[in-house]
N, C-alpha and C. Protein backbone atom coordinates (compact mmCIF):
# COMPACT_ATOMS: atom_id res chain seq x y z
N UNK A 1 0.84 -1.18 0.00
CA UNK A 1 0.00 0.00 0.00
C UNK A 1 0.88 1.25 0.00
N UNK A 2 0.42 2.26 -0.69
CA UNK A 2 1.17 3.52 -0.75
C UNK A 2 1.18 4.18 0.64
N UNK A 3 2.30 4.78 1.03
CA UNK A 3 2.42 5.32 2.39
C UNK A 3 1.79 6.72 2.55
N UNK A 4 0.48 6.80 2.40
CA UNK A 4 -0.21 8.09 2.50
C UNK A 4 0.00 8.76 3.86
N UNK A 5 -0.02 7.98 4.92
CA UNK A 5 0.16 8.57 6.26
C UNK A 5 1.56 9.14 6.39
N UNK A 6 2.55 8.44 5.85
CA UNK A 6 3.92 8.95 5.92
C UNK A 6 4.09 10.22 5.08
N UNK A 7 3.44 10.27 3.92
CA UNK A 7 3.49 11.48 3.10
C UNK A 7 2.85 12.64 3.87
N UNK A 8 1.69 12.38 4.47
CA UNK A 8 1.01 13.43 5.25
C UNK A 8 1.92 13.91 6.39
N UNK A 9 2.60 12.99 7.05
CA UNK A 9 3.51 13.35 8.14
C UNK A 9 4.65 14.23 7.62
N UNK A 10 5.21 13.90 6.48
CA UNK A 10 6.30 14.69 5.90
C UNK A 10 5.82 16.09 5.51
N UNK A 11 4.64 16.15 4.90
CA UNK A 11 4.10 17.46 4.52
C UNK A 11 3.82 18.31 5.76
N UNK A 12 3.31 17.69 6.81
CA UNK A 12 3.06 18.40 8.07
C UNK A 12 4.38 18.87 8.68
N UNK A 13 5.37 17.98 8.69
CA UNK A 13 6.66 18.28 9.30
C UNK A 13 7.32 19.49 8.64
N UNK A 14 7.17 19.62 7.33
CA UNK A 14 7.85 20.69 6.60
C UNK A 14 6.92 21.86 6.25
N UNK A 15 5.72 21.89 6.81
CA UNK A 15 4.73 22.91 6.44
C UNK A 15 5.21 24.33 6.68
N UNK A 16 6.07 24.56 7.66
CA UNK A 16 6.55 25.91 7.96
C UNK A 16 8.02 26.09 7.58
N UNK A 17 8.56 25.15 6.86
CA UNK A 17 9.96 25.26 6.44
C UNK A 17 10.11 26.35 5.39
N UNK A 18 11.28 26.94 5.30
CA UNK A 18 11.49 27.99 4.29
C UNK A 18 11.27 27.46 2.88
N UNK A 19 10.82 28.34 2.02
CA UNK A 19 10.65 27.98 0.61
C UNK A 19 12.02 27.67 0.01
N UNK A 20 12.03 26.72 -0.91
CA UNK A 20 13.26 26.34 -1.59
C UNK A 20 13.32 26.95 -2.98
N UNK A 21 14.50 27.35 -3.41
CA UNK A 21 14.68 27.69 -4.82
C UNK A 21 14.85 26.38 -5.58
N UNK A 22 14.76 26.45 -6.87
CA UNK A 22 14.73 25.25 -7.70
C UNK A 22 15.96 24.36 -7.53
N UNK A 23 17.10 24.92 -7.18
CA UNK A 23 18.32 24.13 -7.08
C UNK A 23 18.75 23.83 -5.64
N UNK A 24 17.94 24.25 -4.66
CA UNK A 24 18.28 23.94 -3.27
C UNK A 24 17.83 22.52 -2.91
N UNK A 25 18.62 21.81 -2.12
CA UNK A 25 18.23 20.44 -1.74
C UNK A 25 17.19 20.44 -0.63
N UNK A 26 16.38 19.41 -0.64
CA UNK A 26 15.45 19.13 0.46
C UNK A 26 16.06 17.94 1.21
N UNK A 27 16.20 18.08 2.52
CA UNK A 27 16.81 17.03 3.34
C UNK A 27 15.79 16.55 4.35
N UNK A 28 15.61 15.24 4.42
CA UNK A 28 14.63 14.66 5.33
C UNK A 28 15.20 13.37 5.92
N UNK A 29 14.61 12.92 7.03
CA UNK A 29 15.04 11.66 7.65
C UNK A 29 13.86 10.70 7.70
N UNK A 30 14.19 9.42 7.59
CA UNK A 30 13.16 8.39 7.52
C UNK A 30 13.61 7.15 8.26
N UNK A 31 12.65 6.47 8.87
CA UNK A 31 12.91 5.23 9.57
C UNK A 31 12.38 4.08 8.71
N UNK A 32 13.14 3.00 8.65
CA UNK A 32 12.72 1.82 7.90
C UNK A 32 11.86 0.95 8.82
N UNK A 33 10.63 0.71 8.39
CA UNK A 33 9.66 -0.06 9.17
C UNK A 33 9.60 -1.51 8.68
N UNK A 34 9.07 -2.42 9.49
CA UNK A 34 8.99 -3.84 9.05
C UNK A 34 8.28 -4.02 7.72
N UNK A 35 7.26 -3.22 7.44
CA UNK A 35 6.50 -3.36 6.19
C UNK A 35 7.25 -2.80 4.97
N UNK A 36 8.43 -2.23 5.20
CA UNK A 36 9.27 -1.77 4.09
C UNK A 36 10.23 -2.86 3.61
N UNK A 37 10.23 -4.00 4.29
CA UNK A 37 11.21 -5.05 4.02
C UNK A 37 10.72 -6.06 3.01
N UNK A 38 11.68 -6.73 2.38
CA UNK A 38 11.38 -7.84 1.48
C UNK A 38 11.59 -9.16 2.23
N UNK A 39 11.43 -10.30 1.58
CA UNK A 39 11.61 -11.59 2.28
C UNK A 39 13.02 -11.80 2.85
N UNK A 40 13.99 -11.04 2.40
CA UNK A 40 15.36 -11.17 2.89
C UNK A 40 15.65 -10.20 4.04
N UNK A 41 14.59 -9.58 4.57
CA UNK A 41 14.65 -8.68 5.71
C UNK A 41 15.53 -7.46 5.47
N UNK A 42 15.46 -6.96 4.25
CA UNK A 42 16.13 -5.70 3.93
C UNK A 42 15.16 -4.81 3.18
N UNK A 43 15.49 -3.51 3.12
CA UNK A 43 14.61 -2.56 2.44
C UNK A 43 14.37 -3.02 1.01
N UNK A 44 13.11 -3.22 0.67
CA UNK A 44 12.71 -3.68 -0.65
C UNK A 44 13.07 -2.65 -1.71
N UNK A 45 13.58 -3.12 -2.85
CA UNK A 45 14.01 -2.20 -3.90
C UNK A 45 12.86 -1.33 -4.42
N UNK A 46 11.67 -1.90 -4.57
CA UNK A 46 10.53 -1.11 -5.01
C UNK A 46 10.08 -0.12 -3.95
N UNK A 47 10.17 -0.53 -2.70
CA UNK A 47 9.79 0.37 -1.60
C UNK A 47 10.76 1.55 -1.53
N UNK A 48 12.03 1.31 -1.88
CA UNK A 48 13.00 2.41 -1.92
C UNK A 48 12.49 3.51 -2.85
N UNK A 49 12.01 3.13 -4.02
CA UNK A 49 11.49 4.12 -4.96
C UNK A 49 10.30 4.86 -4.38
N UNK A 50 9.43 4.15 -3.68
CA UNK A 50 8.28 4.79 -3.05
C UNK A 50 8.74 5.74 -1.94
N UNK A 51 9.74 5.34 -1.17
CA UNK A 51 10.24 6.21 -0.10
C UNK A 51 10.89 7.47 -0.65
N UNK A 52 11.42 7.40 -1.87
CA UNK A 52 11.95 8.62 -2.47
C UNK A 52 10.83 9.66 -2.67
N UNK A 53 9.57 9.21 -2.83
CA UNK A 53 8.45 10.14 -2.89
C UNK A 53 8.36 10.99 -1.62
N UNK A 54 8.77 10.41 -0.48
CA UNK A 54 8.68 11.12 0.80
C UNK A 54 9.60 12.34 0.84
N UNK A 55 10.54 12.41 -0.06
CA UNK A 55 11.38 13.60 -0.18
C UNK A 55 10.97 14.48 -1.34
N UNK A 56 10.64 13.84 -2.45
CA UNK A 56 10.35 14.59 -3.68
C UNK A 56 9.07 15.41 -3.56
N UNK A 57 8.03 14.84 -2.97
CA UNK A 57 6.75 15.56 -2.88
C UNK A 57 6.87 16.77 -1.94
N UNK A 58 7.39 16.61 -0.72
CA UNK A 58 7.57 17.81 0.11
C UNK A 58 8.52 18.84 -0.52
N UNK A 59 9.53 18.39 -1.25
CA UNK A 59 10.43 19.33 -1.93
C UNK A 59 9.63 20.18 -2.92
N UNK A 60 8.76 19.53 -3.70
CA UNK A 60 7.98 20.28 -4.70
C UNK A 60 7.03 21.27 -4.02
N UNK A 61 6.49 20.89 -2.87
CA UNK A 61 5.62 21.80 -2.12
C UNK A 61 6.43 22.98 -1.60
N UNK A 62 7.62 22.71 -1.09
CA UNK A 62 8.46 23.80 -0.58
C UNK A 62 8.89 24.75 -1.70
N UNK A 63 8.88 24.28 -2.93
CA UNK A 63 9.20 25.14 -4.08
C UNK A 63 7.97 25.90 -4.56
N UNK A 64 6.79 25.59 -4.02
CA UNK A 64 5.57 26.29 -4.38
C UNK A 64 4.78 25.62 -5.49
N UNK A 65 5.19 24.42 -5.92
CA UNK A 65 4.50 23.79 -7.05
C UNK A 65 3.06 23.42 -6.71
N UNK A 66 2.76 23.10 -5.46
CA UNK A 66 1.39 22.71 -5.11
C UNK A 66 0.38 23.81 -5.42
N UNK A 67 0.73 25.04 -5.10
CA UNK A 67 -0.19 26.17 -5.35
C UNK A 67 -0.35 26.43 -6.85
N UNK A 68 0.76 26.40 -7.57
CA UNK A 68 0.71 26.63 -9.02
C UNK A 68 -0.05 25.49 -9.70
N UNK A 69 0.22 24.26 -9.27
CA UNK A 69 -0.46 23.10 -9.87
C UNK A 69 -1.96 23.17 -9.67
N UNK A 70 -2.38 23.55 -8.47
CA UNK A 70 -3.82 23.64 -8.20
C UNK A 70 -4.46 24.74 -9.05
N UNK A 71 -3.78 25.86 -9.19
CA UNK A 71 -4.34 26.98 -9.96
C UNK A 71 -4.42 26.66 -11.45
N UNK A 72 -3.46 25.90 -11.97
CA UNK A 72 -3.39 25.67 -13.41
C UNK A 72 -3.81 24.26 -13.84
N UNK A 73 -4.10 23.40 -12.89
CA UNK A 73 -4.49 22.03 -13.24
C UNK A 73 -3.32 21.17 -13.69
N UNK A 74 -2.15 21.43 -13.15
CA UNK A 74 -0.95 20.69 -13.53
C UNK A 74 -0.65 19.58 -12.53
N UNK A 75 0.21 18.68 -12.94
CA UNK A 75 0.70 17.61 -12.08
C UNK A 75 2.13 17.29 -12.42
N UNK A 76 2.68 16.33 -11.71
CA UNK A 76 4.05 15.86 -11.97
C UNK A 76 3.99 14.36 -12.12
N UNK A 77 4.76 13.83 -13.05
CA UNK A 77 4.85 12.38 -13.21
C UNK A 77 6.30 11.97 -13.39
N UNK A 78 6.59 10.74 -13.04
CA UNK A 78 7.92 10.18 -13.27
C UNK A 78 7.97 9.68 -14.71
N UNK A 79 8.98 10.10 -15.44
CA UNK A 79 9.12 9.71 -16.85
C UNK A 79 10.33 8.81 -17.08
N UNK A 80 10.98 8.40 -16.03
CA UNK A 80 12.12 7.49 -16.14
C UNK A 80 13.02 7.63 -14.93
N UNK A 81 13.76 6.57 -14.66
CA UNK A 81 14.74 6.64 -13.58
C UNK A 81 15.78 5.55 -13.71
N UNK A 82 16.86 5.75 -13.00
CA UNK A 82 17.93 4.76 -12.88
C UNK A 82 18.37 4.78 -11.43
N UNK A 83 18.37 3.62 -10.80
CA UNK A 83 18.66 3.56 -9.37
C UNK A 83 19.83 2.63 -9.10
N UNK A 84 20.71 3.06 -8.19
CA UNK A 84 21.82 2.23 -7.71
C UNK A 84 21.58 1.91 -6.25
N UNK A 85 21.69 0.64 -5.92
CA UNK A 85 21.59 0.18 -4.54
C UNK A 85 22.98 -0.29 -4.14
N UNK A 86 23.56 0.29 -3.08
CA UNK A 86 24.95 -0.02 -2.75
C UNK A 86 25.16 -0.56 -1.34
N UNK A 87 24.23 -0.35 -0.43
CA UNK A 87 24.39 -0.83 0.93
C UNK A 87 23.08 -1.42 1.42
N UNK A 88 23.18 -2.52 2.16
CA UNK A 88 22.01 -3.18 2.73
C UNK A 88 21.40 -2.28 3.80
N UNK A 89 20.08 -2.16 3.78
CA UNK A 89 19.35 -1.37 4.76
C UNK A 89 18.34 -2.30 5.42
N UNK A 90 18.32 -2.30 6.75
CA UNK A 90 17.46 -3.21 7.49
C UNK A 90 16.50 -2.44 8.40
N UNK A 91 15.63 -3.19 9.07
CA UNK A 91 14.55 -2.62 9.87
C UNK A 91 15.07 -1.68 10.96
N UNK A 92 14.33 -0.61 11.16
CA UNK A 92 14.55 0.41 12.18
C UNK A 92 15.83 1.21 11.99
N UNK A 93 16.45 1.11 10.82
CA UNK A 93 17.58 1.98 10.54
C UNK A 93 17.05 3.34 10.10
N UNK A 94 17.76 4.37 10.52
CA UNK A 94 17.40 5.74 10.17
C UNK A 94 18.22 6.16 8.96
N UNK A 95 17.52 6.70 7.96
CA UNK A 95 18.17 7.16 6.74
C UNK A 95 17.95 8.65 6.57
N UNK A 96 18.94 9.32 6.05
CA UNK A 96 18.80 10.72 5.64
C UNK A 96 18.65 10.72 4.14
N UNK A 97 17.63 11.42 3.67
CA UNK A 97 17.39 11.51 2.23
C UNK A 97 17.72 12.92 1.75
N UNK A 98 18.46 13.00 0.65
CA UNK A 98 18.76 14.27 0.00
C UNK A 98 18.11 14.25 -1.37
N UNK A 99 17.23 15.22 -1.62
CA UNK A 99 16.53 15.34 -2.90
C UNK A 99 16.90 16.68 -3.51
N UNK A 100 17.28 16.65 -4.79
CA UNK A 100 17.66 17.92 -5.43
C UNK A 100 17.44 17.87 -6.92
N UNK A 101 17.16 19.03 -7.49
CA UNK A 101 17.03 19.19 -8.94
C UNK A 101 18.43 19.43 -9.49
N UNK A 102 18.79 18.68 -10.54
CA UNK A 102 20.09 18.86 -11.19
C UNK A 102 20.00 19.86 -12.34
N UNK A 103 18.85 19.90 -13.00
CA UNK A 103 18.67 20.78 -14.15
C UNK A 103 17.49 20.31 -14.98
N UNK A 104 17.33 20.89 -16.16
CA UNK A 104 16.18 20.57 -17.01
C UNK A 104 16.52 20.84 -18.47
N UNK A 105 15.68 20.31 -19.33
CA UNK A 105 15.77 20.59 -20.75
C UNK A 105 14.40 21.06 -21.22
N UNK A 106 14.12 20.99 -22.49
CA UNK A 106 12.86 21.52 -23.02
C UNK A 106 11.64 20.70 -22.58
N UNK A 107 11.85 19.43 -22.17
CA UNK A 107 10.73 18.56 -21.84
C UNK A 107 10.69 18.07 -20.39
N UNK A 108 11.87 17.86 -19.80
CA UNK A 108 11.94 17.18 -18.52
C UNK A 108 12.79 17.92 -17.50
N UNK A 109 12.56 17.59 -16.23
CA UNK A 109 13.40 18.02 -15.12
C UNK A 109 14.14 16.78 -14.62
N UNK A 110 15.42 16.93 -14.29
CA UNK A 110 16.24 15.82 -13.83
C UNK A 110 16.60 16.03 -12.37
N UNK A 111 16.29 15.03 -11.55
CA UNK A 111 16.53 15.11 -10.12
C UNK A 111 17.46 13.98 -9.69
N UNK A 112 18.15 14.22 -8.61
CA UNK A 112 18.94 13.18 -7.97
C UNK A 112 18.44 13.05 -6.54
N UNK A 113 18.18 11.82 -6.13
CA UNK A 113 17.78 11.55 -4.76
C UNK A 113 18.67 10.46 -4.20
N UNK A 114 19.01 10.59 -2.93
CA UNK A 114 19.91 9.60 -2.33
C UNK A 114 19.54 9.37 -0.88
N UNK A 115 19.82 8.16 -0.41
CA UNK A 115 19.68 7.80 1.00
C UNK A 115 21.07 7.64 1.59
N UNK A 116 21.24 8.15 2.82
CA UNK A 116 22.52 8.12 3.51
C UNK A 116 22.34 7.55 4.91
N UNK A 117 23.31 6.76 5.34
CA UNK A 117 23.34 6.23 6.70
C UNK A 117 24.78 6.33 7.20
N UNK A 118 24.94 7.03 8.30
CA UNK A 118 26.27 7.19 8.91
C UNK A 118 27.31 7.69 7.91
N UNK A 119 26.92 8.66 7.08
CA UNK A 119 27.84 9.26 6.13
C UNK A 119 28.11 8.45 4.88
N UNK A 120 27.42 7.34 4.71
CA UNK A 120 27.62 6.47 3.54
C UNK A 120 26.33 6.38 2.73
N UNK A 121 26.45 6.50 1.42
CA UNK A 121 25.27 6.43 0.56
C UNK A 121 24.83 4.98 0.41
N UNK A 122 23.55 4.73 0.70
CA UNK A 122 23.01 3.37 0.56
C UNK A 122 22.34 3.16 -0.80
N UNK A 123 21.75 4.22 -1.35
CA UNK A 123 21.07 4.13 -2.65
C UNK A 123 20.99 5.53 -3.24
N UNK A 124 21.02 5.58 -4.56
CA UNK A 124 20.91 6.86 -5.26
C UNK A 124 20.10 6.66 -6.54
N UNK A 125 19.28 7.65 -6.85
CA UNK A 125 18.43 7.55 -8.03
C UNK A 125 18.52 8.83 -8.86
N UNK A 126 18.67 8.65 -10.15
CA UNK A 126 18.48 9.72 -11.12
C UNK A 126 17.05 9.59 -11.62
N UNK A 127 16.31 10.67 -11.58
CA UNK A 127 14.91 10.63 -11.97
C UNK A 127 14.63 11.70 -13.02
N UNK A 128 13.92 11.29 -14.05
CA UNK A 128 13.43 12.23 -15.07
C UNK A 128 11.95 12.45 -14.78
N UNK A 129 11.57 13.70 -14.61
CA UNK A 129 10.21 14.03 -14.25
C UNK A 129 9.61 14.96 -15.29
N UNK A 130 8.32 14.82 -15.50
CA UNK A 130 7.61 15.68 -16.44
C UNK A 130 6.46 16.38 -15.73
N UNK A 131 6.23 17.62 -16.08
CA UNK A 131 5.05 18.35 -15.63
C UNK A 131 3.96 18.05 -16.64
N UNK A 132 2.77 17.80 -16.14
CA UNK A 132 1.68 17.37 -17.03
C UNK A 132 0.43 18.22 -16.81
N UNK A 133 -0.39 18.24 -17.86
CA UNK A 133 -1.72 18.85 -17.80
C UNK A 133 -2.62 17.98 -18.66
N UNK A 134 -3.90 18.24 -18.61
CA UNK A 134 -4.82 17.48 -19.45
C UNK A 134 -4.41 17.68 -20.90
N UNK A 135 -4.14 16.59 -21.58
CA UNK A 135 -3.78 16.67 -22.99
C UNK A 135 -2.30 16.73 -23.28
N UNK A 136 -1.44 16.65 -22.25
CA UNK A 136 -0.02 16.63 -22.58
C UNK A 136 0.90 17.14 -21.49
N UNK A 137 2.09 17.51 -21.93
CA UNK A 137 3.13 17.95 -21.01
C UNK A 137 3.22 19.47 -20.98
N UNK A 138 3.70 19.98 -19.85
CA UNK A 138 3.95 21.41 -19.69
C UNK A 138 5.47 21.59 -19.73
N UNK A 139 6.00 22.44 -20.60
CA UNK A 139 7.46 22.64 -20.64
C UNK A 139 7.97 23.16 -19.30
N UNK A 140 9.11 22.65 -18.83
CA UNK A 140 9.68 23.14 -17.57
C UNK A 140 9.82 24.66 -17.53
N UNK A 141 10.16 25.27 -18.65
CA UNK A 141 10.31 26.73 -18.69
C UNK A 141 9.03 27.42 -18.22
N UNK A 142 7.88 26.94 -18.70
CA UNK A 142 6.59 27.54 -18.33
C UNK A 142 6.32 27.36 -16.83
N UNK A 143 6.65 26.20 -16.29
CA UNK A 143 6.45 25.94 -14.86
C UNK A 143 7.36 26.84 -14.03
N UNK A 144 8.62 26.95 -14.44
CA UNK A 144 9.57 27.78 -13.69
C UNK A 144 9.16 29.25 -13.69
N UNK A 145 8.63 29.73 -14.80
CA UNK A 145 8.12 31.11 -14.84
C UNK A 145 6.99 31.26 -13.83
N UNK A 146 6.06 30.30 -13.82
CA UNK A 146 4.93 30.36 -12.89
C UNK A 146 5.38 30.30 -11.44
N UNK A 147 6.49 29.62 -11.19
CA UNK A 147 7.02 29.51 -9.83
C UNK A 147 7.89 30.72 -9.44
N UNK A 148 8.19 31.56 -10.41
CA UNK A 148 9.08 32.68 -10.14
C UNK A 148 10.53 32.23 -9.93
N UNK A 149 10.89 31.15 -10.58
CA UNK A 149 12.23 30.57 -10.45
C UNK A 149 13.05 30.89 -11.71
N UNK A 150 14.38 30.79 -11.62
CA UNK A 150 15.20 30.98 -12.81
C UNK A 150 14.82 29.97 -13.90
N UNK A 151 14.85 30.40 -15.14
CA UNK A 151 14.44 29.51 -16.23
C UNK A 151 15.61 28.90 -17.00
N UNK A 152 16.82 29.40 -16.77
CA UNK A 152 17.98 28.83 -17.44
C UNK A 152 18.56 27.72 -16.59
N UNK A 153 18.63 26.52 -17.17
CA UNK A 153 19.14 25.37 -16.44
C UNK A 153 20.65 25.43 -16.30
N UNK A 154 21.15 24.99 -15.17
CA UNK A 154 22.59 24.78 -15.12
C UNK A 154 22.94 23.65 -16.09
N UNK A 155 24.18 23.59 -16.49
CA UNK A 155 24.63 22.51 -17.37
C UNK A 155 24.45 21.18 -16.64
N UNK A 156 23.78 20.24 -17.27
CA UNK A 156 23.60 18.93 -16.67
C UNK A 156 24.94 18.21 -16.59
N UNK A 157 25.18 17.46 -15.52
CA UNK A 157 26.43 16.69 -15.43
C UNK A 157 26.56 15.72 -16.61
N UNK A 158 27.79 15.41 -16.98
CA UNK A 158 28.03 14.52 -18.12
C UNK A 158 27.35 13.16 -17.95
N UNK A 159 27.35 12.63 -16.75
CA UNK A 159 26.73 11.31 -16.54
C UNK A 159 25.22 11.36 -16.77
N UNK A 160 24.60 12.50 -16.50
CA UNK A 160 23.17 12.65 -16.77
C UNK A 160 22.94 12.75 -18.28
N UNK A 161 23.78 13.53 -18.96
CA UNK A 161 23.67 13.63 -20.43
C UNK A 161 23.85 12.26 -21.08
N UNK A 162 24.79 11.47 -20.55
CA UNK A 162 25.02 10.13 -21.10
C UNK A 162 23.80 9.24 -20.87
N UNK A 163 23.17 9.36 -19.70
CA UNK A 163 21.97 8.58 -19.42
C UNK A 163 20.84 8.98 -20.36
N UNK A 164 20.66 10.27 -20.58
CA UNK A 164 19.62 10.77 -21.50
C UNK A 164 19.86 10.20 -22.90
N UNK A 165 21.10 10.28 -23.37
CA UNK A 165 21.43 9.78 -24.71
C UNK A 165 21.22 8.27 -24.80
N UNK A 166 21.65 7.55 -23.77
CA UNK A 166 21.47 6.10 -23.77
C UNK A 166 20.01 5.70 -23.75
N UNK A 167 19.22 6.39 -22.96
CA UNK A 167 17.80 6.07 -22.88
C UNK A 167 17.09 6.37 -24.20
N UNK A 168 17.55 7.40 -24.90
CA UNK A 168 16.95 7.74 -26.21
C UNK A 168 17.18 6.63 -27.23
N UNK A 169 18.25 5.84 -27.06
CA UNK A 169 18.55 4.74 -27.97
C UNK A 169 17.80 3.46 -27.63
N UNK A 170 17.18 3.44 -26.48
CA UNK A 170 16.49 2.24 -26.03
C UNK A 170 15.26 1.97 -26.89
N UNK A 171 15.06 0.74 -27.27
CA UNK A 171 13.91 0.35 -28.08
C UNK A 171 12.62 0.53 -27.29
N UNK A 172 11.63 1.18 -27.94
CA UNK A 172 10.32 1.33 -27.30
C UNK A 172 9.23 1.14 -28.32
N UNK A 173 8.26 0.31 -28.04
CA UNK A 173 8.17 -0.57 -26.87
C UNK A 173 9.22 -1.67 -26.93
N UNK A 174 9.45 -2.33 -25.80
CA UNK A 174 10.48 -3.38 -25.78
C UNK A 174 10.16 -4.50 -26.76
N UNK A 175 11.18 -5.06 -27.35
CA UNK A 175 11.00 -6.23 -28.22
C UNK A 175 10.72 -7.44 -27.34
N UNK A 176 9.72 -8.21 -27.72
CA UNK A 176 9.35 -9.38 -26.94
C UNK A 176 9.73 -10.66 -27.66
N UNK A 177 10.10 -11.69 -26.90
CA UNK A 177 10.31 -12.99 -27.54
C UNK A 177 8.96 -13.56 -28.00
N UNK A 178 9.00 -14.40 -29.02
CA UNK A 178 7.76 -14.97 -29.56
C UNK A 178 6.90 -15.64 -28.47
N UNK A 179 7.53 -16.29 -27.51
CA UNK A 179 6.80 -17.00 -26.46
C UNK A 179 5.98 -16.04 -25.59
N UNK A 180 6.32 -14.78 -25.55
CA UNK A 180 5.58 -13.83 -24.73
C UNK A 180 4.50 -13.09 -25.50
N UNK A 181 4.55 -13.12 -26.81
CA UNK A 181 3.60 -12.35 -27.63
C UNK A 181 2.14 -12.71 -27.34
N UNK A 182 1.82 -13.99 -27.23
CA UNK A 182 0.44 -14.40 -26.99
C UNK A 182 -0.04 -13.89 -25.63
N UNK A 183 0.82 -13.87 -24.64
CA UNK A 183 0.43 -13.45 -23.30
C UNK A 183 0.07 -11.98 -23.25
N UNK A 184 0.75 -11.15 -24.02
CA UNK A 184 0.48 -9.71 -23.95
C UNK A 184 -0.63 -9.29 -24.91
N UNK A 185 -1.03 -10.16 -25.81
CA UNK A 185 -2.09 -9.84 -26.76
C UNK A 185 -3.49 -10.07 -26.18
N UNK A 186 -3.58 -10.82 -25.09
CA UNK A 186 -4.91 -11.15 -24.56
C UNK A 186 -5.45 -10.09 -23.65
């Protein structure tokens, strides 16, 4: 189940925090609960992605996106990601999450989110996000103007540019083996 109560707690916790500019990091702490674990008693890889929402959503609120989104009928969606898992995380461990915008292009915003324990990174994710409205996408430039934020992106790091280029070469939709074709056609 999606952690609605935890999201509400994070939004409440940061309700009076200073507004963030587009490139300022949002820093939050999180406890790993038993229901976050997989059968091997470690933080589930899919749950890690969900827990990154606990930083990304309050960050967007602190940037003022909630008010602009409500006024204009906009939303945010994940349009791709790449995640590295480097350290085992177990029950009741406390993690510090750092969420930050790296930059943007004409279509997407690129964010980096990471979990830290005792000064060591346990997981890090590059996320491509899109602003959406009924009928399509909203260019980041238009959103940044509405937020009163700078509209010129910093230069994206080379590793992000390489990921963008590599993802553009990826076959879509994925090629399926003949044995799977019947299963997806029904």
